[in-house]
């Protein structure tokens, strides 16, 4: 999440300059954190249930798996994700507003770089095509 904050500084600054308050930025990052950890929590619960089921069958025990165990695992995953997303959310909310730079409004460079130029200069191209005709 910290990397996400660092990579999205421009976006956060732009949102702040358009009127988003610190609370809006915090809520955005706190809402993203559970979405990032939930697939891992679901995968962990499925793997844990599969290993438990397999061990029960291997030892001849009756396989039992209570629903509250899976719910507790998912709840712990979401809680840890929310706590882990708290610091990045606070850091993102403290990002300063950005002014649009004057260079961002200019058009992109239209001439190719020297390494991308044609091997013919404009005069050589005309004479080369005229000699073939």
N, C-alpha and C. Protein backbone atom coordinates (compact mmCIF):
# COMPACT_ATOMS: atom_id res chain seq x y z
N UNK A 1 0.82 -1.19 0.00
CA UNK A 1 0.00 0.00 0.00
C UNK A 1 0.87 1.26 0.00
N UNK A 2 2.01 1.21 0.68
CA UNK A 2 2.89 2.38 0.68
C UNK A 2 3.38 2.64 -0.73
N UNK A 3 3.72 1.57 -1.45
CA UNK A 3 4.17 1.72 -2.84
C UNK A 3 3.06 2.34 -3.67
N UNK A 4 1.82 1.93 -3.41
CA UNK A 4 0.68 2.48 -4.15
C UNK A 4 0.55 3.98 -3.91
N UNK A 5 0.79 4.41 -2.68
CA UNK A 5 0.72 5.83 -2.37
C UNK A 5 1.81 6.58 -3.12
N UNK A 6 3.01 6.02 -3.13
CA UNK A 6 4.13 6.70 -3.80
C UNK A 6 3.92 6.75 -5.31
N UNK A 7 3.38 5.68 -5.88
CA UNK A 7 3.15 5.66 -7.33
C UNK A 7 2.00 6.57 -7.75
N UNK A 8 1.07 6.81 -6.85
CA UNK A 8 -0.12 7.57 -7.21
C UNK A 8 -0.12 8.98 -6.65
N UNK A 9 1.08 9.52 -6.37
CA UNK A 9 1.16 10.87 -5.82
C UNK A 9 0.53 11.91 -6.73
N UNK A 10 0.75 11.78 -8.02
CA UNK A 10 0.18 12.74 -8.96
C UNK A 10 -1.35 12.69 -8.93
N UNK A 11 -1.89 11.48 -8.93
CA UNK A 11 -3.34 11.33 -8.89
C UNK A 11 -3.92 11.91 -7.60
N UNK A 12 -3.27 11.62 -6.48
CA UNK A 12 -3.75 12.13 -5.19
C UNK A 12 -3.67 13.65 -5.17
N UNK A 13 -2.55 14.20 -5.65
CA UNK A 13 -2.41 15.66 -5.69
C UNK A 13 -3.43 16.30 -6.59
N UNK A 14 -3.73 15.66 -7.71
CA UNK A 14 -4.73 16.19 -8.62
C UNK A 14 -6.12 16.16 -7.97
N UNK A 15 -6.44 15.07 -7.31
CA UNK A 15 -7.74 15.00 -6.62
C UNK A 15 -7.83 16.06 -5.54
N UNK A 16 -6.73 16.28 -4.82
CA UNK A 16 -6.74 17.31 -3.78
C UNK A 16 -6.92 18.70 -4.39
N UNK A 17 -6.27 18.94 -5.53
CA UNK A 17 -6.40 20.26 -6.15
C UNK A 17 -7.79 20.47 -6.73
N UNK A 18 -8.49 19.38 -7.04
CA UNK A 18 -9.86 19.51 -7.56
C UNK A 18 -10.90 19.59 -6.45
N UNK A 19 -10.45 19.54 -5.19
CA UNK A 19 -11.38 19.76 -4.09
C UNK A 19 -11.58 18.60 -3.15
N UNK A 20 -10.90 17.48 -3.36
CA UNK A 20 -11.05 16.35 -2.45
C UNK A 20 -10.40 16.69 -1.11
N UNK A 21 -11.07 16.37 -0.04
CA UNK A 21 -10.54 16.63 1.29
C UNK A 21 -9.69 15.44 1.74
N UNK A 22 -8.95 15.63 2.81
CA UNK A 22 -8.10 14.55 3.32
C UNK A 22 -8.92 13.31 3.66
N UNK A 23 -10.11 13.53 4.17
CA UNK A 23 -10.97 12.40 4.52
C UNK A 23 -11.36 11.56 3.31
N UNK A 24 -11.58 12.22 2.18
CA UNK A 24 -11.93 11.48 0.95
C UNK A 24 -10.78 10.58 0.52
N UNK A 25 -9.56 11.10 0.60
CA UNK A 25 -8.39 10.31 0.20
C UNK A 25 -8.19 9.15 1.17
N UNK A 26 -8.36 9.41 2.47
CA UNK A 26 -8.21 8.34 3.47
C UNK A 26 -9.22 7.23 3.25
N UNK A 27 -10.47 7.61 3.00
CA UNK A 27 -11.52 6.61 2.79
C UNK A 27 -11.23 5.79 1.55
N UNK A 28 -10.69 6.42 0.51
CA UNK A 28 -10.37 5.69 -0.71
C UNK A 28 -9.34 4.60 -0.43
N UNK A 29 -8.28 4.95 0.29
CA UNK A 29 -7.24 3.95 0.56
C UNK A 29 -7.69 2.92 1.58
N UNK A 30 -8.50 3.33 2.55
CA UNK A 30 -9.02 2.35 3.50
C UNK A 30 -10.01 1.40 2.85
N UNK A 31 -10.70 1.84 1.81
CA UNK A 31 -11.62 0.95 1.09
C UNK A 31 -10.87 0.02 0.15
N UNK A 32 -9.71 0.45 -0.34
CA UNK A 32 -8.94 -0.41 -1.24
C UNK A 32 -8.22 -1.52 -0.49
N UNK A 33 -7.84 -1.29 0.75
CA UNK A 33 -7.06 -2.29 1.50
C UNK A 33 -7.79 -3.62 1.64
N UNK A 34 -9.06 -3.66 2.06
CA UNK A 34 -9.73 -4.97 2.14
C UNK A 34 -9.89 -5.66 0.79
N UNK A 35 -10.04 -4.88 -0.26
CA UNK A 35 -10.15 -5.49 -1.59
C UNK A 35 -8.85 -6.15 -2.01
N UNK A 36 -7.73 -5.66 -1.51
CA UNK A 36 -6.46 -6.26 -1.85
C UNK A 36 -6.16 -7.51 -1.02
N UNK A 37 -6.63 -7.57 0.23
CA UNK A 37 -6.31 -8.70 1.09
C UNK A 37 -7.35 -9.81 1.04
N UNK A 38 -8.56 -9.50 0.60
CA UNK A 38 -9.63 -10.51 0.61
C UNK A 38 -9.33 -11.73 -0.27
N UNK A 39 -8.82 -11.57 -1.49
CA UNK A 39 -8.51 -12.78 -2.27
C UNK A 39 -7.48 -13.69 -1.60
N UNK A 40 -6.50 -13.10 -0.93
CA UNK A 40 -5.52 -13.91 -0.21
C UNK A 40 -6.15 -14.62 0.97
N UNK A 41 -7.07 -13.95 1.66
CA UNK A 41 -7.75 -14.58 2.78
C UNK A 41 -8.63 -15.73 2.34
N UNK A 42 -9.33 -15.55 1.22
CA UNK A 42 -10.18 -16.62 0.69
C UNK A 42 -9.32 -17.81 0.26
N UNK A 43 -8.21 -17.52 -0.40
CA UNK A 43 -7.31 -18.61 -0.83
C UNK A 43 -6.74 -19.34 0.39
N UNK A 44 -6.38 -18.60 1.42
CA UNK A 44 -5.86 -19.23 2.64
C UNK A 44 -6.89 -20.10 3.32
N UNK A 45 -8.14 -19.64 3.36
CA UNK A 45 -9.21 -20.45 3.96
C UNK A 45 -9.46 -21.71 3.16
N UNK A 46 -9.46 -21.59 1.84
CA UNK A 46 -9.67 -22.79 1.00
C UNK A 46 -8.53 -23.79 1.15
N UNK A 47 -7.30 -23.30 1.18
CA UNK A 47 -6.15 -24.21 1.36
C UNK A 47 -6.20 -24.85 2.75
N UNK A 48 -6.50 -24.06 3.77
CA UNK A 48 -6.59 -24.60 5.13
C UNK A 48 -7.69 -25.64 5.26
N UNK A 49 -8.84 -25.37 4.65
CA UNK A 49 -9.95 -26.33 4.70
C UNK A 49 -9.58 -27.60 3.94
N UNK A 50 -8.91 -27.45 2.81
CA UNK A 50 -8.50 -28.63 2.04
C UNK A 50 -7.49 -29.49 2.78
N UNK A 51 -6.51 -28.86 3.43
CA UNK A 51 -5.51 -29.62 4.20
C UNK A 51 -6.17 -30.29 5.40
N UNK A 52 -7.07 -29.59 6.07
CA UNK A 52 -7.77 -30.18 7.21
C UNK A 52 -8.59 -31.38 6.78
N UNK A 53 -9.31 -31.21 5.68
CA UNK A 53 -10.13 -32.31 5.15
C UNK A 53 -9.24 -33.50 4.77
N UNK A 54 -8.14 -33.23 4.11
CA UNK A 54 -7.22 -34.30 3.71
C UNK A 54 -6.61 -35.04 4.89
N UNK A 55 -6.23 -34.30 5.92
CA UNK A 55 -5.64 -34.94 7.10
C UNK A 55 -6.67 -35.80 7.83
N UNK A 56 -7.89 -35.31 7.89
CA UNK A 56 -8.95 -36.10 8.54
C UNK A 56 -9.18 -37.41 7.80
N UNK A 57 -9.21 -37.34 6.48
CA UNK A 57 -9.41 -38.56 5.69
C UNK A 57 -8.20 -39.48 5.81
N UNK A 58 -7.00 -38.91 5.82
CA UNK A 58 -5.79 -39.74 5.90
C UNK A 58 -5.69 -40.49 7.23
N UNK A 59 -6.13 -39.88 8.32
CA UNK A 59 -6.06 -40.54 9.63
C UNK A 59 -7.34 -41.28 10.00
N UNK A 60 -8.34 -41.23 9.14
CA UNK A 60 -9.57 -41.95 9.40
C UNK A 60 -10.51 -41.25 10.36
N UNK A 61 -10.31 -39.97 10.58
CA UNK A 61 -11.20 -39.20 11.45
C UNK A 61 -12.38 -38.70 10.64
N UNK A 62 -13.49 -38.43 11.30
CA UNK A 62 -14.61 -37.86 10.55
C UNK A 62 -14.31 -36.38 10.20
N UNK A 63 -14.40 -36.04 8.94
CA UNK A 63 -14.07 -34.65 8.56
C UNK A 63 -15.16 -33.68 9.00
N UNK A 64 -14.77 -32.75 9.85
CA UNK A 64 -15.70 -31.72 10.30
C UNK A 64 -15.00 -30.37 10.18
N UNK A 65 -15.73 -29.42 9.66
CA UNK A 65 -15.20 -28.07 9.54
C UNK A 65 -16.35 -27.11 9.84
N UNK A 66 -16.20 -26.35 10.90
CA UNK A 66 -17.26 -25.44 11.32
C UNK A 66 -17.20 -24.15 10.51
N UNK A 67 -18.38 -23.58 10.28
CA UNK A 67 -18.47 -22.35 9.48
C UNK A 67 -17.81 -21.18 10.19
N UNK A 68 -17.84 -21.18 11.53
CA UNK A 68 -17.30 -20.04 12.25
C UNK A 68 -15.78 -19.98 12.16
N UNK A 69 -15.14 -21.11 11.89
CA UNK A 69 -13.68 -21.11 11.73
C UNK A 69 -13.31 -20.35 10.45
N UNK A 70 -14.05 -20.63 9.38
CA UNK A 70 -13.79 -19.93 8.12
C UNK A 70 -14.14 -18.45 8.25
N UNK A 71 -15.25 -18.14 8.93
CA UNK A 71 -15.64 -16.75 9.15
C UNK A 71 -14.60 -16.01 9.98
N UNK A 72 -14.03 -16.67 10.99
CA UNK A 72 -13.00 -16.04 11.82
C UNK A 72 -11.73 -15.79 11.00
N UNK A 73 -11.39 -16.71 10.13
CA UNK A 73 -10.22 -16.52 9.27
C UNK A 73 -10.39 -15.34 8.33
N UNK A 74 -11.56 -15.24 7.71
CA UNK A 74 -11.83 -14.11 6.81
C UNK A 74 -11.91 -12.79 7.59
N UNK A 75 -12.51 -12.84 8.79
CA UNK A 75 -12.58 -11.64 9.62
C UNK A 75 -11.21 -11.15 10.03
N UNK A 76 -10.32 -12.09 10.42
CA UNK A 76 -8.96 -11.72 10.79
C UNK A 76 -8.21 -11.14 9.59
N UNK A 77 -8.46 -11.71 8.41
CA UNK A 77 -7.82 -11.19 7.21
C UNK A 77 -8.24 -9.75 6.94
N UNK A 78 -9.53 -9.49 7.03
CA UNK A 78 -10.02 -8.13 6.78
C UNK A 78 -9.54 -7.15 7.84
N UNK A 79 -9.48 -7.59 9.10
CA UNK A 79 -9.00 -6.71 10.17
C UNK A 79 -7.53 -6.36 9.98
N UNK A 80 -6.71 -7.35 9.66
CA UNK A 80 -5.28 -7.11 9.44
C UNK A 80 -5.09 -6.23 8.22
N UNK A 81 -5.89 -6.44 7.17
CA UNK A 81 -5.79 -5.59 5.99
C UNK A 81 -6.16 -4.15 6.27
N UNK A 82 -7.19 -3.95 7.10
CA UNK A 82 -7.60 -2.58 7.44
C UNK A 82 -6.53 -1.89 8.28
N UNK A 83 -5.94 -2.62 9.23
CA UNK A 83 -4.88 -2.03 10.05
C UNK A 83 -3.65 -1.74 9.20
N UNK A 84 -3.33 -2.65 8.29
CA UNK A 84 -2.17 -2.43 7.42
C UNK A 84 -2.41 -1.29 6.44
N UNK A 85 -3.65 -1.00 6.10
CA UNK A 85 -3.95 0.09 5.19
C UNK A 85 -4.11 1.43 5.87
N UNK A 86 -4.08 1.45 7.20
CA UNK A 86 -4.29 2.70 7.93
C UNK A 86 -3.14 3.69 7.73
N UNK A 87 -1.91 3.24 7.88
CA UNK A 87 -0.77 4.15 7.71
C UNK A 87 -0.68 4.69 6.28
N UNK A 88 -0.81 3.85 5.25
CA UNK A 88 -0.79 4.41 3.89
C UNK A 88 -1.94 5.40 3.64
N UNK A 89 -3.10 5.17 4.25
CA UNK A 89 -4.22 6.09 4.07
C UNK A 89 -3.90 7.44 4.69
N UNK A 90 -3.30 7.43 5.87
CA UNK A 90 -2.93 8.69 6.52
C UNK A 90 -1.85 9.40 5.71
N UNK A 91 -0.89 8.64 5.21
CA UNK A 91 0.18 9.25 4.41
C UNK A 91 -0.37 9.84 3.11
N UNK A 92 -1.31 9.14 2.49
CA UNK A 92 -1.90 9.65 1.25
C UNK A 92 -2.71 10.90 1.51
N UNK A 93 -3.38 10.95 2.66
CA UNK A 93 -4.20 12.12 2.98
C UNK A 93 -3.35 13.36 3.23
N UNK A 94 -2.11 13.16 3.62
CA UNK A 94 -1.21 14.29 3.88
C UNK A 94 -0.51 14.79 2.62
N UNK A 95 -0.76 14.15 1.49
CA UNK A 95 -0.15 14.59 0.25
C UNK A 95 -0.64 15.99 -0.10
N UNK A 96 0.28 16.83 -0.52
CA UNK A 96 -0.06 18.21 -0.83
C UNK A 96 -0.72 18.30 -2.20
N UNK A 97 -1.41 19.41 -2.39
CA UNK A 97 -2.04 19.66 -3.68
C UNK A 97 -0.97 19.94 -4.72
N UNK A 98 -1.28 19.65 -5.96
CA UNK A 98 -0.33 19.89 -7.05
C UNK A 98 -0.93 20.91 -7.99
N UNK A 99 -0.06 21.78 -8.47
CA UNK A 99 -0.47 22.70 -9.53
C UNK A 99 -0.10 22.05 -10.85
N UNK A 100 -0.90 22.22 -11.87
CA UNK A 100 -0.51 21.68 -13.17
C UNK A 100 0.74 22.41 -13.66
N UNK A 101 1.70 21.66 -14.12
CA UNK A 101 2.93 22.28 -14.58
C UNK A 101 2.71 22.89 -15.96
N UNK A 102 3.43 23.96 -16.29
CA UNK A 102 3.24 24.58 -17.60
C UNK A 102 3.67 23.68 -18.75
N UNK A 103 4.56 22.75 -18.49
CA UNK A 103 5.01 21.85 -19.55
C UNK A 103 3.97 20.81 -19.91
N UNK A 104 3.05 20.51 -19.01
CA UNK A 104 2.08 19.45 -19.28
C UNK A 104 1.08 19.86 -20.36
N UNK A 105 0.93 21.16 -20.59
CA UNK A 105 -0.03 21.60 -21.59
C UNK A 105 0.57 21.70 -22.98
N UNK A 106 1.90 21.62 -23.08
CA UNK A 106 2.52 21.70 -24.40
C UNK A 106 2.32 20.40 -25.17
N UNK A 107 2.39 20.53 -26.48
CA UNK A 107 2.26 19.33 -27.31
C UNK A 107 3.52 18.49 -27.20
N UNK A 108 3.35 17.23 -27.46
CA UNK A 108 4.49 16.33 -27.43
C UNK A 108 5.43 16.65 -28.58
N UNK A 109 6.66 16.26 -28.43
CA UNK A 109 7.66 16.50 -29.47
C UNK A 109 7.28 15.74 -30.72
N UNK A 110 7.22 16.43 -31.85
CA UNK A 110 6.77 15.78 -33.08
C UNK A 110 7.92 15.26 -33.91
N UNK A 111 9.10 15.84 -33.77
CA UNK A 111 10.24 15.34 -34.54
C UNK A 111 10.74 14.05 -33.91
N UNK A 112 11.17 13.11 -34.71
CA UNK A 112 11.72 11.88 -34.12
C UNK A 112 13.09 12.15 -33.52
N UNK A 113 13.49 11.27 -32.64
CA UNK A 113 14.81 11.36 -32.06
C UNK A 113 15.84 11.10 -33.17
N UNK A 114 17.08 11.53 -32.98
CA UNK A 114 18.08 11.33 -34.04
C UNK A 114 18.25 9.88 -34.44
N UNK A 115 18.12 8.95 -33.52
CA UNK A 115 18.29 7.54 -33.87
C UNK A 115 17.09 7.01 -34.66
N UNK A 116 15.97 7.72 -34.66
CA UNK A 116 14.78 7.26 -35.36
C UNK A 116 14.59 7.95 -36.71
N UNK A 117 15.52 8.80 -37.10
CA UNK A 117 15.35 9.50 -38.36
C UNK A 117 15.60 8.56 -39.53
N UNK A 118 15.08 8.94 -40.65
CA UNK A 118 15.24 8.16 -41.86
C UNK A 118 16.70 8.18 -42.29
N UNK A 119 17.19 7.12 -42.90
CA UNK A 119 18.59 7.13 -43.35
C UNK A 119 18.83 8.11 -44.50
N UNK A 120 17.77 8.55 -45.14
CA UNK A 120 17.90 9.51 -46.24
C UNK A 120 17.56 10.90 -45.76
N UNK A 121 18.28 11.84 -46.20
CA UNK A 121 17.88 13.23 -45.97
C UNK A 121 16.87 13.58 -47.05
N UNK A 122 16.20 14.70 -46.89
CA UNK A 122 15.13 15.02 -47.83
C UNK A 122 15.65 15.13 -49.26
N UNK A 123 16.83 15.70 -49.48
CA UNK A 123 17.36 15.83 -50.83
C UNK A 123 17.80 14.50 -51.40
N UNK A 124 18.38 13.65 -50.57
CA UNK A 124 18.85 12.35 -51.04
C UNK A 124 17.69 11.44 -51.42
N UNK A 125 16.59 11.56 -50.72
CA UNK A 125 15.44 10.71 -51.00
C UNK A 125 14.89 11.02 -52.39
N UNK A 126 14.77 12.29 -52.71
CA UNK A 126 14.23 12.68 -54.00
C UNK A 126 15.13 12.17 -55.14
N UNK A 127 16.45 12.31 -54.98
CA UNK A 127 17.35 11.87 -56.04
C UNK A 127 17.38 10.36 -56.13
N UNK A 128 17.23 9.65 -55.01
CA UNK A 128 17.24 8.20 -55.05
C UNK A 128 16.00 7.67 -55.74
N UNK A 129 14.84 8.25 -55.47
CA UNK A 129 13.63 7.78 -56.14
C UNK A 129 13.61 8.19 -57.59
N UNK A 130 14.22 9.31 -57.96
CA UNK A 130 14.22 9.73 -59.35
C UNK A 130 15.13 8.83 -60.20
N UNK A 131 16.18 8.26 -59.60
CA UNK A 131 17.07 7.43 -60.39
C UNK A 131 16.45 6.08 -60.71
N UNK A 132 15.45 5.64 -59.91
CA UNK A 132 14.81 4.37 -60.19
C UNK A 132 13.74 4.49 -61.26
N UNK A 133 13.26 5.66 -61.52
CA UNK A 133 12.16 5.82 -62.48
C UNK A 133 12.63 6.08 -63.83
